Amino acid sequence: MSHVKFGSGTVKAVKDGGKDYEVTVEFDRVGQKKMFASFAKLKKV
């Protein structure tokens, strides 16, 4: 995956958070981040 601010990374987990999905991504430059899918603006690469 790719994120505008954090760069490229690998999705490690996806958890159903009710109204949205919580995505855990291990980014190459900044380490692990948890974010909601609707706000993350992740792009498949």
PDB file of N, CA and C in Angstrom:
ATOM      1  N   MET A   1       0.844  -1.169   0.000  1.00  0.00           N
ATOM      2  CA  MET A   1       0.000   0.000   0.000  1.00  0.00           C
ATOM      3  C   MET A   1       0.889   1.231   0.000  1.00  0.00           C
ATOM      4  N   SER A   2       0.283   2.323  -0.380  1.00  0.00           N
ATOM      5  CA  SER A   2       0.996   3.594  -0.375  1.00  0.00           C
ATOM      6  C   SER A   2       0.116   4.657   0.274  1.00  0.00           C
ATOM      7  N   HIS A   3       0.739   5.501   1.084  1.00  0.00           N
ATOM      8  CA  HIS A   3       0.047   6.589   1.772  1.00  0.00           C
ATOM      9  C   HIS A   3       0.763   7.885   1.411  1.00  0.00           C
ATOM     10  N   VAL A   4       0.012   8.956   1.233  1.00  0.00           N
ATOM     11  CA  VAL A   4       0.574  10.240   0.821  1.00  0.00           C
ATOM     12  C   VAL A   4       1.682  10.709   1.762  1.00  0.00           C
ATOM     13  N   LYS A   5       1.459  10.629   3.067  1.00  0.00           N
ATOM     14  CA  LYS A   5       2.410  11.150   4.053  1.00  0.00           C
ATOM     15  C   LYS A   5       3.453  10.113   4.477  1.00  0.00           C
ATOM     16  N   PHE A   6       3.030   8.849   4.687  1.00  0.00           N
ATOM     17  CA  PHE A   6       3.907   7.829   5.267  1.00  0.00           C
ATOM     18  C   PHE A   6       4.657   6.993   4.237  1.00  0.00           C
ATOM     19  N   GLY A   7       4.297   7.068   2.967  1.00  0.00           N
ATOM     20  CA  GLY A   7       4.975   6.302   1.923  1.00  0.00           C
ATOM     21  C   GLY A   7       4.440   4.887   1.787  1.00  0.00           C
ATOM     22  N   SER A   8       5.296   3.974   1.331  1.00  0.00           N
ATOM     23  CA  SER A   8       4.856   2.603   1.080  1.00  0.00           C
ATOM     24  C   SER A   8       4.926   1.746   2.338  1.00  0.00           C
ATOM     25  N   GLY A   9       4.050   0.745   2.374  1.00  0.00           N
ATOM     26  CA  GLY A   9       3.992  -0.135   3.528  1.00  0.00           C
ATOM     27  C   GLY A   9       3.203  -1.397   3.222  1.00  0.00           C
ATOM     28  N   THR A  10       3.101  -2.262   4.222  1.00  0.00           N
ATOM     29  CA  THR A  10       2.412  -3.535   4.100  1.00  0.00           C
ATOM     30  C   THR A  10       1.297  -3.607   5.128  1.00  0.00           C
ATOM     31  N   VAL A  11       0.096  -3.985   4.665  1.00  0.00           N
ATOM     32  CA  VAL A  11      -1.035  -4.140   5.581  1.00  0.00           C
ATOM     33  C   VAL A  11      -0.798  -5.382   6.430  1.00  0.00           C
ATOM     34  N   LYS A  12      -0.840  -5.220   7.749  1.00  0.00           N
ATOM     35  CA  LYS A  12      -0.623  -6.319   8.687  1.00  0.00           C
ATOM     36  C   LYS A  12      -1.922  -6.864   9.262  1.00  0.00           C
ATOM     37  N   ALA A  13      -2.942  -6.003   9.391  1.00  0.00           N
ATOM     38  CA  ALA A  13      -4.215  -6.446   9.962  1.00  0.00           C
ATOM     39  C   ALA A  13      -5.333  -5.505   9.547  1.00  0.00           C
ATOM     40  N   VAL A  14      -6.536  -6.075   9.448  1.00  0.00           N
ATOM     41  CA  VAL A  14      -7.742  -5.296   9.205  1.00  0.00           C
ATOM     42  C   VAL A  14      -8.767  -5.762  10.226  1.00  0.00           C
ATOM     43  N   LYS A  15      -9.300  -4.813  10.988  1.00  0.00           N
ATOM     44  CA  LYS A  15     -10.250  -5.136  12.060  1.00  0.00           C
ATOM     45  C   LYS A  15     -11.545  -4.368  11.820  1.00  0.00           C
ATOM     46  N   ASP A  16     -12.668  -5.067  11.907  1.00  0.00           N
ATOM     47  CA  ASP A  16     -13.963  -4.426  11.740  1.00  0.00           C
ATOM     48  C   ASP A  16     -14.251  -3.580  12.970  1.00  0.00           C
ATOM     49  N   GLY A  17     -14.346  -2.278  12.772  1.00  0.00           N
ATOM     50  CA  GLY A  17     -14.585  -1.371  13.880  1.00  0.00           C
ATOM     51  C   GLY A  17     -16.026  -0.907  13.976  1.00  0.00           C
ATOM     52  N   GLY A  18     -16.948  -1.629  13.367  1.00  0.00           N
ATOM     53  CA  GLY A  18     -18.356  -1.238  13.409  1.00  0.00           C
ATOM     54  C   GLY A  18     -18.727  -0.388  12.207  1.00  0.00           C
ATOM     55  N   LYS A  19     -18.488   0.905  12.307  1.00  0.00           N
ATOM     56  CA  LYS A  19     -18.810   1.820  11.214  1.00  0.00           C
ATOM     57  C   LYS A  19     -17.703   1.901  10.176  1.00  0.00           C
ATOM     58  N   ASP A  20     -16.500   1.490  10.537  1.00  0.00           N
ATOM     59  CA  ASP A  20     -15.349   1.592   9.651  1.00  0.00           C
ATOM     60  C   ASP A  20     -14.374   0.457   9.970  1.00  0.00           C
ATOM     61  N   TYR A  21     -13.393   0.269   9.114  1.00  0.00           N
ATOM     62  CA  TYR A  21     -12.367  -0.745   9.347  1.00  0.00           C
ATOM     63  C   TYR A  21     -11.111  -0.083   9.895  1.00  0.00           C
ATOM     64  N   GLU A  22     -10.511  -0.700  10.917  1.00  0.00           N
ATOM     65  CA  GLU A  22      -9.237  -0.229  11.458  1.00  0.00           C
ATOM     66  C   GLU A  22      -8.139  -1.022  10.755  1.00  0.00           C
ATOM     67  N   VAL A  23      -7.259  -0.323  10.082  1.00  0.00           N
ATOM     68  CA  VAL A  23      -6.200  -0.956   9.298  1.00  0.00           C
ATOM     69  C   VAL A  23      -4.860  -0.719   9.997  1.00  0.00           C
ATOM     70  N   THR A  24      -4.093  -1.788  10.189  1.00  0.00           N
ATOM     71  CA  THR A  24      -2.744  -1.687  10.746  1.00  0.00           C
ATOM     72  C   THR A  24      -1.762  -1.867   9.597  1.00  0.00           C
ATOM     73  N   VAL A  25      -0.916  -0.871   9.397  1.00  0.00           N
ATOM     74  CA  VAL A  25       0.039  -0.892   8.285  1.00  0.00           C
ATOM     75  C   VAL A  25       1.447  -0.702   8.827  1.00  0.00           C
ATOM     76  N   GLU A  26       2.372  -1.518   8.359  1.00  0.00           N
ATOM     77  CA  GLU A  26       3.794  -1.387   8.699  1.00  0.00           C
ATOM     78  C   GLU A  26       4.443  -0.611   7.554  1.00  0.00           C
ATOM     79  N   PHE A  27       4.770   0.669   7.826  1.00  0.00           N
ATOM     80  CA  PHE A  27       5.367   1.518   6.800  1.00  0.00           C
ATOM     81  C   PHE A  27       6.883   1.384   6.828  1.00  0.00           C
ATOM     82  N   ASP A  28       7.491   1.496   5.653  1.00  0.00           N
ATOM     83  CA  ASP A  28       8.941   1.357   5.529  1.00  0.00           C
ATOM     84  C   ASP A  28       9.697   2.434   6.306  1.00  0.00           C
ATOM     85  N   ARG A  29       9.205   3.666   6.274  1.00  0.00           N
ATOM     86  CA  ARG A  29       9.938   4.786   6.874  1.00  0.00           C
ATOM     87  C   ARG A  29       9.546   5.114   8.308  1.00  0.00           C
ATOM     88  N   VAL A  30       8.265   4.940   8.658  1.00  0.00           N
ATOM     89  CA  VAL A  30       7.799   5.430   9.963  1.00  0.00           C
ATOM     90  C   VAL A  30       7.306   4.336  10.905  1.00  0.00           C
ATOM     91  N   GLY A  31       7.402   3.084  10.500  1.00  0.00           N
ATOM     92  CA  GLY A  31       6.979   1.994  11.363  1.00  0.00           C
ATOM     93  C   GLY A  31       5.481   1.722  11.282  1.00  0.00           C
ATOM     94  N   GLN A  32       4.950   1.129  12.321  1.00  0.00           N
ATOM     95  CA  GLN A  32       3.555   0.681  12.340  1.00  0.00           C
ATOM     96  C   GLN A  32       2.599   1.812  12.707  1.00  0.00           C
ATOM     97  N   LYS A  33       1.510   1.901  11.951  1.00  0.00           N
ATOM     98  CA  LYS A  33       0.469   2.891  12.211  1.00  0.00           C
ATOM     99  C   LYS A  33      -0.884   2.200  12.122  1.00  0.00           C
ATOM    100  N   LYS A  34      -1.821   2.625  12.982  1.00  0.00           N
ATOM    101  CA  LYS A  34      -3.208   2.170  12.924  1.00  0.00           C
ATOM    102  C   LYS A  34      -4.052   3.349  12.479  1.00  0.00           C
ATOM    103  N   MET A  35      -4.943   3.101  11.543  1.00  0.00           N
ATOM    104  CA  MET A  35      -5.801   4.165  11.022  1.00  0.00           C
ATOM    105  C   MET A  35      -7.108   3.587  10.523  1.00  0.00           C
ATOM    106  N   PHE A  36      -8.108   4.441  10.399  1.00  0.00           N
ATOM    107  CA  PHE A  36      -9.380   4.003   9.866  1.00  0.00           C
ATOM    108  C   PHE A  36      -9.335   4.080   8.345  1.00  0.00           C
ATOM    109  N   ALA A  37      -9.871   3.057   7.700  1.00  0.00           N
ATOM    110  CA  ALA A  37      -9.804   2.922   6.250  1.00  0.00           C
ATOM    111  C   ALA A  37     -10.385   4.125   5.511  1.00  0.00           C
ATOM    112  N   SER A  38     -11.492   4.663   5.985  1.00  0.00           N
ATOM    113  CA  SER A  38     -12.134   5.774   5.281  1.00  0.00           C
ATOM    114  C   SER A  38     -11.299   7.055   5.308  1.00  0.00           C
ATOM    115  N   PHE A  39     -10.436   7.205   6.295  1.00  0.00           N
ATOM    116  CA  PHE A  39      -9.592   8.401   6.398  1.00  0.00           C
ATOM    117  C   PHE A  39      -8.162   8.183   5.923  1.00  0.00           C
ATOM    118  N   ALA A  40      -7.744   6.940   5.777  1.00  0.00           N
ATOM    119  CA  ALA A  40      -6.348   6.626   5.492  1.00  0.00           C
ATOM    120  C   ALA A  40      -5.906   7.007   4.098  1.00  0.00           C
ATOM    121  N   LYS A  41      -6.809   6.967   3.128  1.00  0.00           N
ATOM    122  CA  LYS A  41      -6.470   7.279   1.732  1.00  0.00           C
ATOM    123  C   LYS A  41      -5.303   6.422   1.257  1.00  0.00           C
ATOM    124  N   LEU A  42      -5.371   5.126   1.530  1.00  0.00           N
ATOM    125  CA  LEU A  42      -4.355   4.185   1.081  1.00  0.00           C
ATOM    126  C   LEU A  42      -4.592   3.830  -0.374  1.00  0.00           C
ATOM    127  N   LYS A  43      -3.509   3.617  -1.094  1.00  0.00           N
ATOM    128  CA  LYS A  43      -3.598   3.213  -2.492  1.00  0.00           C
ATOM    129  C   LYS A  43      -2.866   1.890  -2.673  1.00  0.00           C
ATOM    130  N   LYS A  44      -3.505   0.989  -3.394  1.00  0.00           N
ATOM    131  CA  LYS A  44      -2.888  -0.302  -3.684  1.00  0.00           C
ATOM    132  C   LYS A  44      -1.808  -0.091  -4.748  1.00  0.00           C
ATOM    133  N   VAL A  45      -0.619  -0.654  -4.494  1.00  0.00           N
ATOM    134  CA  VAL A  45       0.479  -0.543  -5.462  1.00  0.00           C
ATOM    135  C   VAL A  45       0.952  -1.891  -5.923  1.00  0.00           C
TER     136      VAL A  45
END
